[in-house]
Amino acid sequence: MSRRSKLLAFPAIAIFAGLVAICASSKITTAASPCAPMSFRGASYTVCTVDLRSYLVRLFWKDPQQQPYGGFDRLPRRLGEDPIVFAMNAGMYEEDLSPVGLYVEDGKSLKPANRRTGTGNFYLKPNGILYIEGQEAGIVATDNFIAERPRVEFATQSGPMLVIDGRTNPRIRPGSTSQKIRNGVGIRDAHTLVFAISEEPVSFWDFAQLFRIGLKSRSALFLDGSISSLYAPALRRSDGLYPIGPIIAVYGRK
């Protein structure tokens, strides 16, 4: 090979090697993501499975200037060296984007539990609470949470409960005609949470069966509907159609 041919070949090899490295990096990023598509009973979902021994789960409501984040754009992209892997809305909220019910962040209770009666999904009893303490989590009905008073670092209240101790909430019945984009969270064991968002409108019943049967969640909590949103950089997704209140963000432990 002539010297000129060698010189021309070297950049080509370097470019090829660079492309291989980029592709490999992309594959690693995708493989590391806890989120993946799932089909269940004819409907499409994105499901994110989180082992708290490998991921940090955090709640965000207000920024350091005490203004609601209102969406995913200003969320911290890293906590220390831990990168964000996904985020979604964490429960129902008022017009000022404040939580409707219990909200605990970094061990501080910023809103008390809401045990009132009313109309709307939040008040379809029993509603419930997702809580995080270290590398363990729980999803329990609100009255049980208040009676047990577990120690928590992070907690958010929403409703209704979708699954309670392996059974569908009796207030949720088959044949519902209400079809909405929905998101929620279920628990498999003390260390494993499963988050899901529907990619098309589904009923409460179908959404509950996704968690009970499809995701094998012993308990599950409805987080919101219609405005349900997901940020998942590995999936090149960042929903931002509406302002949202409290946000769950998950970071990969380094």
C-alpha atoms as a PDB file:
ATOM      1  CA  MET A   1       0.000   0.000   0.000  1.00  0.00           C
ATOM      2  CA  SER A   2       1.338   3.453  -0.916  1.00  0.00           C
ATOM      3  CA  ARG A   3       1.993   6.065   1.735  1.00  0.00           C
ATOM      4  CA  ARG A   4      -0.905   8.134   0.339  1.00  0.00           C
ATOM      5  CA  SER A   5      -3.247   5.125   0.552  1.00  0.00           C
ATOM      6  CA  LYS A   6      -2.200   4.556   4.144  1.00  0.00           C
ATOM      7  CA  LEU A   7      -2.881   8.179   5.021  1.00  0.00           C
ATOM      8  CA  LEU A   8      -6.326   7.993   3.447  1.00  0.00           C
ATOM      9  CA  ALA A   9      -7.080   4.688   5.128  1.00  0.00           C
ATOM     10  CA  PHE A  10      -6.196   5.934   8.613  1.00  0.00           C
ATOM     11  CA  PRO A  11      -8.980   8.561   8.859  1.00  0.00           C
ATOM     12  CA  ALA A  12     -11.477   6.032   7.496  1.00  0.00           C
ATOM     13  CA  ILE A  13     -10.463   3.505  10.156  1.00  0.00           C
ATOM     14  CA  ALA A  14     -10.652   6.181  12.859  1.00  0.00           C
ATOM     15  CA  ILE A  15     -14.120   7.275  11.735  1.00  0.00           C
ATOM     16  CA  PHE A  16     -15.312   3.659  11.614  1.00  0.00           C
ATOM     17  CA  ALA A  17     -13.928   3.003  15.093  1.00  0.00           C
ATOM     18  CA  GLY A  18     -15.654   6.133  16.348  1.00  0.00           C
ATOM     19  CA  LEU A  19     -18.977   5.018  14.892  1.00  0.00           C
ATOM     20  CA  VAL A  20     -18.588   1.599  16.495  1.00  0.00           C
ATOM     21  CA  ALA A  21     -17.883   3.266  19.858  1.00  0.00           C
ATOM     22  CA  ILE A  22     -20.926   5.529  19.533  1.00  0.00           C
ATOM     23  CA  CYS A  23     -23.152   2.589  18.629  1.00  0.00           C
ATOM     24  CA  ALA A  24     -21.776   0.564  21.537  1.00  0.00           C
ATOM     25  CA  SER A  25     -22.346   3.483  23.890  1.00  0.00           C
ATOM     26  CA  SER A  26     -25.918   3.851  22.609  1.00  0.00           C
ATOM     27  CA  LYS A  27     -26.540   0.163  23.231  1.00  0.00           C
ATOM     28  CA  ILE A  28     -25.163   0.443  26.757  1.00  0.00           C
ATOM     29  CA  THR A  29     -27.395   3.456  27.489  1.00  0.00           C
ATOM     30  CA  THR A  30     -30.475   1.680  26.174  1.00  0.00           C
ATOM     31  CA  ALA A  31     -29.633  -1.512  28.061  1.00  0.00           C
ATOM     32  CA  ALA A  32     -29.146   0.460  31.280  1.00  0.00           C
ATOM     33  CA  SER A  33     -32.570   2.091  31.017  1.00  0.00           C
ATOM     34  CA  PRO A  34     -35.179   0.590  33.356  1.00  0.00           C
ATOM     35  CA  CYS A  35     -37.942   1.531  30.885  1.00  0.00           C
ATOM     36  CA  ALA A  36     -39.257  -0.624  28.058  1.00  0.00           C
ATOM     37  CA  PRO A  37     -42.414  -0.976  25.952  1.00  0.00           C
ATOM     38  CA  MET A  38     -44.981  -3.581  26.932  1.00  0.00           C
ATOM     39  CA  SER A  39     -48.196  -4.826  25.380  1.00  0.00           C
ATOM     40  CA  PHE A  40     -50.969  -6.130  27.637  1.00  0.00           C
ATOM     41  CA  ARG A  41     -54.416  -7.228  26.522  1.00  0.00           C
ATOM     42  CA  GLY A  42     -54.184  -5.264  23.295  1.00  0.00           C
ATOM     43  CA  ALA A  43     -52.975  -1.967  24.800  1.00  0.00           C
ATOM     44  CA  SER A  44     -49.486  -0.470  24.727  1.00  0.00           C
ATOM     45  CA  TYR A  45     -47.586   0.773  27.768  1.00  0.00           C
ATOM     46  CA  THR A  46     -44.155   1.976  28.785  1.00  0.00           C
ATOM     47  CA  VAL A  47     -43.048   0.185  31.950  1.00  0.00           C
ATOM     48  CA  CYS A  48     -40.094   1.178  34.146  1.00  0.00           C
ATOM     49  CA  THR A  49     -38.888  -1.413  36.682  1.00  0.00           C
ATOM     50  CA  VAL A  50     -36.873   0.017  39.570  1.00  0.00           C
ATOM     51  CA  ASP A  51     -34.808  -1.958  42.085  1.00  0.00           C
ATOM     52  CA  LEU A  52     -34.059   0.507  44.883  1.00  0.00           C
ATOM     53  CA  ARG A  53     -30.690  -1.172  45.446  1.00  0.00           C
ATOM     54  CA  SER A  54     -29.682   0.022  41.956  1.00  0.00           C
ATOM     55  CA  TYR A  55     -31.669   3.253  41.619  1.00  0.00           C
ATOM     56  CA  LEU A  56     -32.507   6.324  43.687  1.00  0.00           C
ATOM     57  CA  VAL A  57     -36.169   7.393  43.695  1.00  0.00           C
ATOM     58  CA  ARG A  58     -36.749  11.044  44.574  1.00  0.00           C
ATOM     59  CA  LEU A  59     -39.695  13.459  44.679  1.00  0.00           C
ATOM     60  CA  PHE A  60     -39.606  17.026  43.386  1.00  0.00           C
ATOM     61  CA  TRP A  61     -42.179  19.783  43.825  1.00  0.00           C
ATOM     62  CA  LYS A  62     -40.449  23.154  44.261  1.00  0.00           C
ATOM     63  CA  ASP A  63     -37.050  24.369  43.076  1.00  0.00           C
ATOM     64  CA  PRO A  64     -34.496  26.150  45.333  1.00  0.00           C
ATOM     65  CA  GLN A  65     -36.374  29.437  44.664  1.00  0.00           C
ATOM     66  CA  GLN A  66     -39.549  27.787  45.989  1.00  0.00           C
ATOM     67  CA  GLN A  67     -41.235  27.766  42.594  1.00  0.00           C
ATOM     68  CA  PRO A  68     -42.946  24.595  41.364  1.00  0.00           C
ATOM     69  CA  TYR A  69     -40.874  22.754  38.780  1.00  0.00           C
ATOM     70  CA  GLY A  70     -44.057  22.333  36.747  1.00  0.00           C
ATOM     71  CA  GLY A  71     -42.415  19.856  34.368  1.00  0.00           C
ATOM     72  CA  PHE A  72     -39.260  17.972  33.506  1.00  0.00           C
ATOM     73  CA  ASP A  73     -37.154  20.712  31.905  1.00  0.00           C
ATOM     74  CA  ARG A  74     -35.563  22.055  35.099  1.00  0.00           C
ATOM     75  CA  LEU A  75     -35.187  18.823  37.052  1.00  0.00           C
ATOM     76  CA  PRO A  76     -31.624  18.042  38.190  1.00  0.00           C
ATOM     77  CA  ARG A  77     -30.071  15.844  35.517  1.00  0.00           C
ATOM     78  CA  ARG A  78     -27.714  14.386  38.111  1.00  0.00           C
ATOM     79  CA  LEU A  79     -27.653  13.868  41.853  1.00  0.00           C
ATOM     80  CA  GLY A  80     -23.931  13.865  42.523  1.00  0.00           C
ATOM     81  CA  GLU A  81     -22.658  11.389  39.942  1.00  0.00           C
ATOM     82  CA  ASP A  82     -26.023   9.634  39.564  1.00  0.00           C
ATOM     83  CA  PRO A  83     -27.715  10.428  36.217  1.00  0.00           C
ATOM     84  CA  ILE A  84     -31.468  10.748  35.808  1.00  0.00           C
ATOM     85  CA  VAL A  85     -32.982   7.797  33.941  1.00  0.00           C
ATOM     86  CA  PHE A  86     -36.671   8.713  33.935  1.00  0.00           C
ATOM     87  CA  ALA A  87     -39.328  10.855  35.595  1.00  0.00           C
ATOM     88  CA  MET A  88     -43.124  11.025  35.658  1.00  0.00           C
ATOM     89  CA  ASN A  89     -45.838  12.924  37.469  1.00  0.00           C
ATOM     90  CA  ALA A  90     -46.201  11.745  41.050  1.00  0.00           C
ATOM     91  CA  GLY A  91     -49.855  12.261  41.890  1.00  0.00           C
ATOM     92  CA  MET A  92     -52.711  14.703  41.772  1.00  0.00           C
ATOM     93  CA  TYR A  93     -52.323  18.393  42.436  1.00  0.00           C
ATOM     94  CA  GLU A  94     -54.195  21.662  42.900  1.00  0.00           C
ATOM     95  CA  GLU A  95     -54.361  24.559  40.439  1.00  0.00           C
ATOM     96  CA  ASP A  96     -51.234  26.068  42.026  1.00  0.00           C
ATOM     97  CA  LEU A  97     -49.423  22.737  41.348  1.00  0.00           C
ATOM     98  CA  SER A  98     -49.330  21.851  45.060  1.00  0.00           C
ATOM     99  CA  PRO A  99     -50.042  18.223  46.077  1.00  0.00           C
ATOM    100  CA  VAL A 100     -53.645  17.344  46.911  1.00  0.00           C
ATOM    101  CA  GLY A 101     -52.552  14.999  49.689  1.00  0.00           C
ATOM    102  CA  LEU A 102     -49.582  13.879  51.748  1.00  0.00           C
ATOM    103  CA  TYR A 103     -46.217  14.940  50.417  1.00  0.00           C
ATOM    104  CA  VAL A 104     -42.896  14.189  52.124  1.00  0.00           C
ATOM    105  CA  GLU A 105     -39.549  15.253  50.669  1.00  0.00           C
ATOM    106  CA  ASP A 106     -36.160  14.544  52.282  1.00  0.00           C
ATOM    107  CA  GLY A 107     -37.941  13.475  55.473  1.00  0.00           C
ATOM    108  CA  LYS A 108     -39.929  16.725  55.741  1.00  0.00           C
ATOM    109  CA  SER A 109     -43.719  16.607  55.595  1.00  0.00           C
ATOM    110  CA  LEU A 110     -44.689  19.517  53.320  1.00  0.00           C
ATOM    111  CA  LYS A 111     -48.390  18.599  53.004  1.00  0.00           C
ATOM    112  CA  PRO A 112     -50.485  16.533  55.444  1.00  0.00           C
ATOM    113  CA  ALA A 113     -52.446  13.427  54.533  1.00  0.00           C
ATOM    114  CA  ASN A 114     -55.841  14.151  52.993  1.00  0.00           C
ATOM    115  CA  ARG A 115     -58.642  12.004  54.438  1.00  0.00           C
ATOM    116  CA  ARG A 116     -61.524  14.151  53.223  1.00  0.00           C
ATOM    117  CA  THR A 117     -64.354  12.923  51.018  1.00  0.00           C
ATOM    118  CA  GLY A 118     -65.022  14.469  47.645  1.00  0.00           C
ATOM    119  CA  THR A 119     -65.485  13.863  43.945  1.00  0.00           C
ATOM    120  CA  GLY A 120     -62.891  12.766  41.448  1.00  0.00           C
ATOM    121  CA  ASN A 121     -60.349   9.977  41.274  1.00  0.00           C
ATOM    122  CA  PHE A 122     -58.329  11.060  44.304  1.00  0.00           C
ATOM    123  CA  TYR A 123     -61.371  10.563  46.540  1.00  0.00           C
ATOM    124  CA  LEU A 124     -62.314   7.135  45.148  1.00  0.00           C
ATOM    125  CA  LYS A 125     -61.555   5.235  48.356  1.00  0.00           C
ATOM    126  CA  PRO A 126     -59.363   3.785  49.389  1.00  0.00           C
ATOM    127  CA  ASN A 127     -56.726   6.083  48.055  1.00  0.00           C
ATOM    128  CA  GLY A 128     -53.135   5.413  49.016  1.00  0.00           C
ATOM    129  CA  ILE A 129     -49.564   6.456  49.619  1.00  0.00           C
ATOM    130  CA  LEU A 130     -46.297   5.515  47.946  1.00  0.00           C
ATOM    131  CA  TYR A 131     -43.361   5.897  50.337  1.00  0.00           C
ATOM    132  CA  ILE A 132     -39.609   5.399  50.159  1.00  0.00           C
ATOM    133  CA  GLU A 133     -37.202   4.789  53.030  1.00  0.00           C
ATOM    134  CA  GLY A 134     -33.643   3.996  52.047  1.00  0.00           C
ATOM    135  CA  GLN A 135     -33.639   1.003  49.722  1.00  0.00           C
ATOM    136  CA  GLU A 136     -37.168  -0.076  50.599  1.00  0.00           C
ATOM    137  CA  ALA A 137     -40.614   1.128  49.546  1.00  0.00           C
ATOM    138  CA  GLY A 138     -44.272   0.590  50.315  1.00  0.00           C
ATOM    139  CA  ILE A 139     -47.676   1.278  48.784  1.00  0.00           C
ATOM    140  CA  VAL A 140     -50.512   1.203  51.297  1.00  0.00           C
ATOM    141  CA  ALA A 141     -54.005   2.601  51.770  1.00  0.00           C
ATOM    142  CA  THR A 142     -53.989   6.027  53.415  1.00  0.00           C
ATOM    143  CA  ASP A 143     -55.717   4.893  56.615  1.00  0.00           C
ATOM    144  CA  ASN A 144     -53.179   2.083  57.040  1.00  0.00           C
ATOM    145  CA  PHE A 145     -50.290   4.486  56.523  1.00  0.00           C
ATOM    146  CA  ILE A 146     -51.654   6.833  59.187  1.00  0.00           C
ATOM    147  CA  ALA A 147     -52.241   3.945  61.602  1.00  0.00           C
ATOM    148  CA  GLU A 148     -48.779   2.420  61.066  1.00  0.00           C
ATOM    149  CA  ARG A 149     -46.878   5.721  60.794  1.00  0.00           C
ATOM    150  CA  PRO A 150     -43.829   4.289  59.012  1.00  0.00           C
ATOM    151  CA  ARG A 151     -40.641   6.310  58.913  1.00  0.00           C
ATOM    152  CA  VAL A 152     -40.212   7.723  55.395  1.00  0.00           C
ATOM    153  CA  GLU A 153     -37.819   9.895  53.398  1.00  0.00           C
ATOM    154  CA  PHE A 154     -40.210  10.470  50.505  1.00  0.00           C
ATOM    155  CA  ALA A 155     -43.964   9.971  50.181  1.00  0.00           C
ATOM    156  CA  THR A 156     -46.797  10.999  47.881  1.00  0.00           C
ATOM    157  CA  GLN A 157     -50.531  10.413  48.230  1.00  0.00           C
ATOM    158  CA  SER A 158     -52.812   9.764  45.275  1.00  0.00           C
ATOM    159  CA  GLY A 159     -55.779   7.652  44.404  1.00  0.00           C
ATOM    160  CA  PRO A 160     -57.433   5.399  44.015  1.00  0.00           C
ATOM    161  CA  MET A 161     -55.525   2.283  44.989  1.00  0.00           C
ATOM    162  CA  LEU A 162     -55.602   0.003  41.946  1.00  0.00           C
ATOM    163  CA  VAL A 163     -54.492  -3.206  43.638  1.00  0.00           C
ATOM    164  CA  ILE A 164     -54.698  -3.983  47.357  1.00  0.00           C
ATOM    165  CA  ASP A 165     -52.898  -7.070  48.685  1.00  0.00           C
ATOM    166  CA  GLY A 166     -53.129  -8.825  45.328  1.00  0.00           C
ATOM    167  CA  ARG A 167     -56.779  -7.947  44.645  1.00  0.00           C
ATOM    168  CA  THR A 168     -58.324  -5.278  42.468  1.00  0.00           C
ATOM    169  CA  ASN A 169     -59.806  -2.368  44.431  1.00  0.00           C
ATOM    170  CA  PRO A 170     -63.500  -3.367  44.712  1.00  0.00           C
ATOM    171  CA  ARG A 171     -64.523   0.157  43.703  1.00  0.00           C
ATOM    172  CA  ILE A 172     -62.945  -0.467  40.284  1.00  0.00           C
ATOM    173  CA  ARG A 173     -65.217  -2.583  38.124  1.00  0.00           C
ATOM    174  CA  PRO A 174     -64.994  -4.116  34.643  1.00  0.00           C
ATOM    175  CA  GLY A 175     -66.969  -2.536  31.837  1.00  0.00           C
ATOM    176  CA  SER A 176     -65.939   1.043  32.576  1.00  0.00           C
ATOM    177  CA  THR A 177     -66.383   3.391  29.605  1.00  0.00           C
ATOM    178  CA  SER A 178     -63.902   5.990  30.896  1.00  0.00           C
ATOM    179  CA  GLN A 179     -60.812   5.737  28.689  1.00  0.00           C
ATOM    180  CA  LYS A 180     -57.783   7.922  29.458  1.00  0.00           C
ATOM    181  CA  ILE A 181     -54.001   7.996  29.252  1.00  0.00           C
ATOM    182  CA  ARG A 182     -53.015   6.855  32.755  1.00  0.00           C
ATOM    183  CA  ASN A 183     -49.903   6.410  34.884  1.00  0.00           C
ATOM    184  CA  GLY A 184     -49.360   4.572  38.137  1.00  0.00           C
ATOM    185  CA  VAL A 185     -46.953   2.617  40.299  1.00  0.00           C
ATOM    186  CA  GLY A 186     -46.965  -0.896  41.710  1.00  0.00           C
ATOM    187  CA  ILE A 187     -44.786  -2.808  44.153  1.00  0.00           C
ATOM    188  CA  ARG A 188     -43.485  -6.369  43.730  1.00  0.00           C
ATOM    189  CA  ASP A 189     -41.418  -6.644  46.879  1.00  0.00           C
ATOM    190  CA  ALA A 190     -39.835  -4.295  49.418  1.00  0.00           C
ATOM    191  CA  HIS A 191     -37.076  -3.317  46.968  1.00  0.00           C
ATOM    192  CA  THR A 192     -38.881  -3.292  43.605  1.00  0.00           C
ATOM    193  CA  LEU A 193     -41.258  -0.685  42.201  1.00  0.00           C
ATOM    194  CA  VAL A 194     -42.867  -0.844  38.768  1.00  0.00           C
ATOM    195  CA  PHE A 195     -44.012   2.384  37.101  1.00  0.00           C
ATOM    196  CA  ALA A 196     -46.269   2.352  34.034  1.00  0.00           C
ATOM    197  CA  ILE A 197     -47.834   4.838  31.642  1.00  0.00           C
ATOM    198  CA  SER A 198     -50.323   3.893  28.951  1.00  0.00           C
ATOM    199  CA  GLU A 199     -49.576   4.892  25.366  1.00  0.00           C
ATOM    200  CA  GLU A 200     -53.263   5.026  24.532  1.00  0.00           C
ATOM    201  CA  PRO A 201     -56.479   5.596  26.495  1.00  0.00           C
ATOM    202  CA  VAL A 202     -57.373   2.684  28.804  1.00  0.00           C
ATOM    203  CA  SER A 203     -60.005   2.081  31.475  1.00  0.00           C
ATOM    204  CA  PHE A 204     -59.360   1.949  35.217  1.00  0.00           C
ATOM    205  CA  TRP A 205     -60.140  -1.771  35.143  1.00  0.00           C
ATOM    206  CA  ASP A 206     -57.662  -2.544  32.386  1.00  0.00           C
ATOM    207  CA  PHE A 207     -55.003  -0.412  34.063  1.00  0.00           C
ATOM    208  CA  ALA A 208     -55.521  -2.225  37.372  1.00  0.00           C
ATOM    209  CA  GLN A 209     -55.219  -5.613  35.632  1.00  0.00           C
ATOM    210  CA  LEU A 210     -51.954  -4.499  34.049  1.00  0.00           C
ATOM    211  CA  PHE A 211     -50.487  -4.113  37.543  1.00  0.00           C
ATOM    212  CA  ARG A 212     -52.203  -7.096  39.173  1.00  0.00           C
ATOM    213  CA  ILE A 213     -51.654  -9.661  36.426  1.00  0.00           C
ATOM    214  CA  GLY A 214     -49.232  -8.249  33.870  1.00  0.00           C
ATOM    215  CA  LEU A 215     -46.737  -6.709  36.323  1.00  0.00           C
ATOM    216  CA  LYS A 216     -47.438  -9.015  39.289  1.00  0.00           C
ATOM    217  CA  SER A 217     -47.772  -6.125  41.738  1.00  0.00           C
ATOM    218  CA  ARG A 218     -49.071  -7.011  45.176  1.00  0.00           C
ATOM    219  CA  SER A 219     -50.295  -3.399  45.574  1.00  0.00           C
ATOM    220  CA  ALA A 220     -50.584  -0.542  43.074  1.00  0.00           C
ATOM    221  CA  LEU A 221     -51.536   3.126  43.139  1.00  0.00           C
ATOM    222  CA  PHE A 222     -53.063   5.318  40.447  1.00  0.00           C
ATOM    223  CA  LEU A 223     -51.036   8.486  40.000  1.00  0.00           C
ATOM    224  CA  ASP A 224     -52.951  10.459  37.368  1.00  0.00           C
ATOM    225  CA  GLY A 225     -54.816  10.453  34.084  1.00  0.00           C
ATOM    226  CA  SER A 226     -55.148  12.619  30.967  1.00  0.00           C
ATOM    227  CA  ILE A 227     -52.083  14.727  31.879  1.00  0.00           C
ATOM    228  CA  SER A 228     -49.882  11.673  32.559  1.00  0.00           C
ATOM    229  CA  SER A 229     -46.336  12.427  31.379  1.00  0.00           C
ATOM    230  CA  LEU A 230     -42.987  10.659  31.049  1.00  0.00           C
ATOM    231  CA  TYR A 231     -39.393  11.821  30.706  1.00  0.00           C
ATOM    232  CA  ALA A 232     -37.073   9.037  29.549  1.00  0.00           C
ATOM    233  CA  PRO A 233     -33.879  10.225  27.828  1.00  0.00           C
ATOM    234  CA  ALA A 234     -32.862   6.737  26.662  1.00  0.00           C
ATOM    235  CA  LEU A 235     -36.194   6.555  24.839  1.00  0.00           C
ATOM    236  CA  ARG A 236     -35.750  10.106  23.497  1.00  0.00           C
ATOM    237  CA  ARG A 237     -38.983  11.073  25.223  1.00  0.00           C
ATOM    238  CA  SER A 238     -39.885  14.207  27.163  1.00  0.00           C
ATOM    239  CA  ASP A 239     -43.635  14.852  27.473  1.00  0.00           C
ATOM    240  CA  GLY A 240     -44.554  18.441  28.221  1.00  0.00           C
ATOM    241  CA  LEU A 241     -48.118  19.122  27.145  1.00  0.00           C
ATOM    242  CA  TYR A 242     -49.343  20.389  30.514  1.00  0.00           C
ATOM    243  CA  PRO A 243     -47.868  21.850  33.726  1.00  0.00           C
ATOM    244  CA  ILE A 244     -47.645  19.148  36.390  1.00  0.00           C
ATOM    245  CA  GLY A 245     -47.337  19.164  40.168  1.00  0.00           C
ATOM    246  CA  PRO A 246     -45.187  16.719  42.167  1.00  0.00           C
ATOM    247  CA  ILE A 247     -42.735  14.681  40.109  1.00  0.00           C
ATOM    248  CA  ILE A 248     -41.062  11.319  40.695  1.00  0.00           C
ATOM    249  CA  ALA A 249     -37.525  11.175  39.315  1.00  0.00           C
ATOM    250  CA  VAL A 250     -35.327   8.088  39.249  1.00  0.00           C
ATOM    251  CA  TYR A 251     -31.527   8.169  39.150  1.00  0.00           C
ATOM    252  CA  GLY A 252     -29.068   5.370  38.413  1.00  0.00           C
ATOM    253  CA  ARG A 253     -26.721   4.649  41.307  1.00  0.00           C
ATOM    254  CA  LYS A 254     -23.067   4.902  40.261  1.00  0.00           C
END
